[in-house]
Amino acid sequence: MQKYLGLTLLPHSGVSLVFTGIICATLAATRPDLAAIVKGTIAAAAVINEIIAVIVAKKGFELAGEIAG
C-alpha cells in the first residue's frame, strides 16, 4: 500500500478550495479582477482533478491489492 499511497490521496482537493476562498476574500478588496481569475482557475482545476483523481485513486488501490479490479 505504501508504494501507491500518493495515487490514493489525489481526490483530496477540498483544501485547495478553502485556501482559494481565503485568497479571493483577501484580494477582493484590492484586486477584484485578479480574485475572479484566481477563483475561476482554481475551481476549474478542482473539477478536472476530481474527475481524474477518482480513476487514478481506484487504480492505486487495485495495484496495491486492496480492491479487486
N, C-alpha and C. Protein backbone atom coordinates (compact mmCIF):
# COMPACT_ATOMS: atom_id res chain seq x y z
N MET A 1 0.82 -1.20 0.00
CA MET A 1 0.00 0.00 0.00
C MET A 1 0.86 1.25 0.00
N GLN A 2 1.96 1.23 0.70
CA GLN A 2 2.81 2.42 0.82
C GLN A 2 3.29 2.89 -0.54
N LYS A 3 3.56 1.97 -1.44
CA LYS A 3 4.08 2.31 -2.76
C LYS A 3 3.06 3.13 -3.57
N TYR A 4 1.78 2.91 -3.36
CA TYR A 4 0.73 3.58 -4.14
C TYR A 4 -0.05 4.60 -3.32
N LEU A 5 0.45 4.99 -2.19
CA LEU A 5 -0.27 5.91 -1.31
C LEU A 5 -0.53 7.26 -1.97
N GLY A 6 0.42 7.75 -2.73
CA GLY A 6 0.25 9.04 -3.41
C GLY A 6 -0.92 9.05 -4.35
N LEU A 7 -1.11 7.96 -5.08
CA LEU A 7 -2.23 7.87 -6.01
C LEU A 7 -3.57 7.88 -5.29
N THR A 8 -3.61 7.26 -4.13
CA THR A 8 -4.88 7.18 -3.40
C THR A 8 -5.24 8.48 -2.70
N LEU A 9 -4.30 9.40 -2.55
CA LEU A 9 -4.59 10.67 -1.89
C LEU A 9 -5.01 11.78 -2.85
N LEU A 10 -4.98 11.54 -4.14
CA LEU A 10 -5.31 12.56 -5.12
C LEU A 10 -6.70 13.18 -4.98
N PRO A 11 -7.74 12.44 -4.62
CA PRO A 11 -9.07 13.06 -4.58
C PRO A 11 -9.28 14.10 -3.48
N HIS A 12 -8.31 14.39 -2.69
CA HIS A 12 -8.50 15.31 -1.56
C HIS A 12 -8.13 16.74 -1.95
N SER A 13 -8.88 17.33 -2.87
CA SER A 13 -8.58 18.69 -3.31
C SER A 13 -9.44 19.74 -2.62
N GLY A 14 -10.26 19.35 -1.68
CA GLY A 14 -11.12 20.30 -0.98
C GLY A 14 -10.34 21.36 -0.23
N VAL A 15 -9.16 21.03 0.23
CA VAL A 15 -8.33 22.00 0.95
C VAL A 15 -7.98 23.17 0.04
N SER A 16 -7.70 22.89 -1.22
CA SER A 16 -7.35 23.97 -2.15
C SER A 16 -8.53 24.93 -2.34
N LEU A 17 -9.75 24.42 -2.27
CA LEU A 17 -10.91 25.29 -2.40
C LEU A 17 -11.06 26.21 -1.20
N VAL A 18 -10.73 25.72 -0.03
CA VAL A 18 -10.77 26.56 1.17
C VAL A 18 -9.74 27.68 1.07
N PHE A 19 -8.52 27.32 0.67
CA PHE A 19 -7.49 28.34 0.50
C PHE A 19 -7.84 29.33 -0.59
N THR A 20 -8.51 28.88 -1.64
CA THR A 20 -8.96 29.78 -2.70
C THR A 20 -9.94 30.80 -2.15
N GLY A 21 -10.85 30.35 -1.30
CA GLY A 21 -11.80 31.28 -0.68
C GLY A 21 -11.10 32.33 0.15
N ILE A 22 -10.09 31.93 0.89
CA ILE A 22 -9.34 32.88 1.72
C ILE A 22 -8.60 33.89 0.84
N ILE A 23 -7.94 33.39 -0.21
CA ILE A 23 -7.19 34.26 -1.10
C ILE A 23 -8.12 35.24 -1.81
N CYS A 24 -9.25 34.74 -2.30
CA CYS A 24 -10.18 35.61 -3.03
C CYS A 24 -10.79 36.66 -2.11
N ALA A 25 -11.07 36.30 -0.88
CA ALA A 25 -11.60 37.28 0.07
C ALA A 25 -10.57 38.36 0.35
N THR A 26 -9.31 37.98 0.42
CA THR A 26 -8.24 38.94 0.67
C THR A 26 -8.02 39.84 -0.55
N LEU A 27 -8.03 39.24 -1.73
CA LEU A 27 -7.77 40.01 -2.95
C LEU A 27 -8.96 40.87 -3.38
N ALA A 28 -10.16 40.51 -2.99
CA ALA A 28 -11.37 41.21 -3.46
C ALA A 28 -11.34 42.69 -3.12
N ALA A 29 -10.74 43.04 -2.00
CA ALA A 29 -10.71 44.45 -1.60
C ALA A 29 -9.77 45.28 -2.47
N THR A 30 -8.64 44.69 -2.85
CA THR A 30 -7.64 45.46 -3.59
C THR A 30 -7.61 45.16 -5.08
N ARG A 31 -7.79 43.89 -5.45
CA ARG A 31 -7.71 43.47 -6.86
C ARG A 31 -8.85 42.53 -7.21
N PRO A 32 -10.07 43.03 -7.36
CA PRO A 32 -11.20 42.14 -7.66
C PRO A 32 -11.04 41.42 -9.00
N ASP A 33 -10.37 42.03 -9.96
CA ASP A 33 -10.15 41.37 -11.24
C ASP A 33 -9.27 40.14 -11.08
N LEU A 34 -8.22 40.27 -10.29
CA LEU A 34 -7.32 39.15 -10.03
C LEU A 34 -8.01 38.06 -9.21
N ALA A 35 -8.85 38.46 -8.27
CA ALA A 35 -9.59 37.50 -7.46
C ALA A 35 -10.50 36.64 -8.33
N ALA A 36 -11.13 37.24 -9.33
CA ALA A 36 -12.01 36.49 -10.23
C ALA A 36 -11.23 35.49 -11.06
N ILE A 37 -10.04 35.88 -11.52
CA ILE A 37 -9.21 34.97 -12.30
C ILE A 37 -8.76 33.79 -11.45
N VAL A 38 -8.31 34.08 -10.23
CA VAL A 38 -7.86 33.01 -9.33
C VAL A 38 -9.01 32.06 -9.02
N LYS A 39 -10.17 32.61 -8.72
CA LYS A 39 -11.33 31.78 -8.37
C LYS A 39 -11.71 30.86 -9.52
N GLY A 40 -11.76 31.39 -10.72
CA GLY A 40 -12.13 30.58 -11.88
C GLY A 40 -11.11 29.50 -12.21
N THR A 41 -9.84 29.87 -12.11
CA THR A 41 -8.78 28.92 -12.42
C THR A 41 -8.75 27.77 -11.43
N ILE A 42 -8.82 28.06 -10.15
CA ILE A 42 -8.77 27.02 -9.13
C ILE A 42 -10.03 26.15 -9.17
N ALA A 43 -11.17 26.76 -9.42
CA ALA A 43 -12.41 25.97 -9.50
C ALA A 43 -12.35 25.00 -10.67
N ALA A 44 -11.88 25.46 -11.82
CA ALA A 44 -11.78 24.59 -12.98
C ALA A 44 -10.77 23.46 -12.73
N ALA A 45 -9.65 23.80 -12.14
CA ALA A 45 -8.64 22.78 -11.84
C ALA A 45 -9.18 21.75 -10.85
N ALA A 46 -9.96 22.19 -9.88
CA ALA A 46 -10.52 21.27 -8.88
C ALA A 46 -11.51 20.30 -9.54
N VAL A 47 -12.32 20.80 -10.46
CA VAL A 47 -13.28 19.94 -11.15
C VAL A 47 -12.55 18.89 -11.99
N ILE A 48 -11.56 19.33 -12.74
CA ILE A 48 -10.78 18.39 -13.55
C ILE A 48 -10.07 17.38 -12.66
N ASN A 49 -9.50 17.85 -11.56
CA ASN A 49 -8.81 16.96 -10.62
C ASN A 49 -9.75 15.92 -10.04
N GLU A 50 -10.95 16.32 -9.68
CA GLU A 50 -11.89 15.38 -9.07
C GLU A 50 -12.32 14.30 -10.06
N ILE A 51 -12.38 14.62 -11.33
CA ILE A 51 -12.74 13.62 -12.33
C ILE A 51 -11.60 12.63 -12.53
N ILE A 52 -10.40 13.13 -12.71
CA ILE A 52 -9.24 12.29 -12.98
C ILE A 52 -8.78 11.54 -11.72
N ALA A 53 -8.81 12.22 -10.59
CA ALA A 53 -8.25 11.65 -9.36
C ALA A 53 -9.00 10.41 -8.90
N VAL A 54 -10.30 10.36 -9.10
CA VAL A 54 -11.07 9.19 -8.67
C VAL A 54 -10.63 7.95 -9.45
N ILE A 55 -10.41 8.11 -10.73
CA ILE A 55 -9.97 7.00 -11.57
C ILE A 55 -8.57 6.55 -11.16
N VAL A 56 -7.68 7.52 -10.96
CA VAL A 56 -6.30 7.20 -10.59
C VAL A 56 -6.24 6.57 -9.19
N ALA A 57 -7.04 7.07 -8.26
CA ALA A 57 -7.06 6.50 -6.91
C ALA A 57 -7.55 5.05 -6.94
N LYS A 58 -8.58 4.80 -7.74
CA LYS A 58 -9.07 3.42 -7.86
C LYS A 58 -7.97 2.51 -8.40
N LYS A 59 -7.25 2.99 -9.39
CA LYS A 59 -6.15 2.20 -9.95
C LYS A 59 -5.06 1.97 -8.90
N GLY A 60 -4.78 2.96 -8.07
CA GLY A 60 -3.79 2.81 -7.00
C GLY A 60 -4.22 1.75 -6.01
N PHE A 61 -5.50 1.72 -5.63
CA PHE A 61 -5.98 0.69 -4.72
C PHE A 61 -5.91 -0.69 -5.36
N GLU A 62 -6.20 -0.77 -6.66
CA GLU A 62 -6.10 -2.05 -7.36
C GLU A 62 -4.66 -2.54 -7.39
N LEU A 63 -3.72 -1.65 -7.72
CA LEU A 63 -2.31 -2.02 -7.77
C LEU A 63 -1.78 -2.45 -6.41
N ALA A 64 -2.30 -1.84 -5.36
CA ALA A 64 -1.89 -2.19 -4.00
C ALA A 64 -2.53 -3.48 -3.52
N GLY A 65 -3.51 -3.98 -4.26
CA GLY A 65 -4.17 -5.22 -3.87
C GLY A 65 -5.23 -5.03 -2.81
N GLU A 66 -5.68 -3.79 -2.62
CA GLU A 66 -6.70 -3.51 -1.60
C GLU A 66 -8.11 -3.80 -2.11
N ILE A 67 -8.32 -3.66 -3.41
CA ILE A 67 -9.63 -3.98 -4.01
C ILE A 67 -9.39 -4.80 -5.26
N ALA A 68 -10.41 -5.52 -5.65
CA ALA A 68 -10.31 -6.34 -6.87
C ALA A 68 -10.59 -5.46 -8.08
N GLY A 69 -9.87 -5.70 -9.16
CA GLY A 69 -10.04 -4.90 -10.38
C GLY A 69 -11.22 -5.33 -11.12
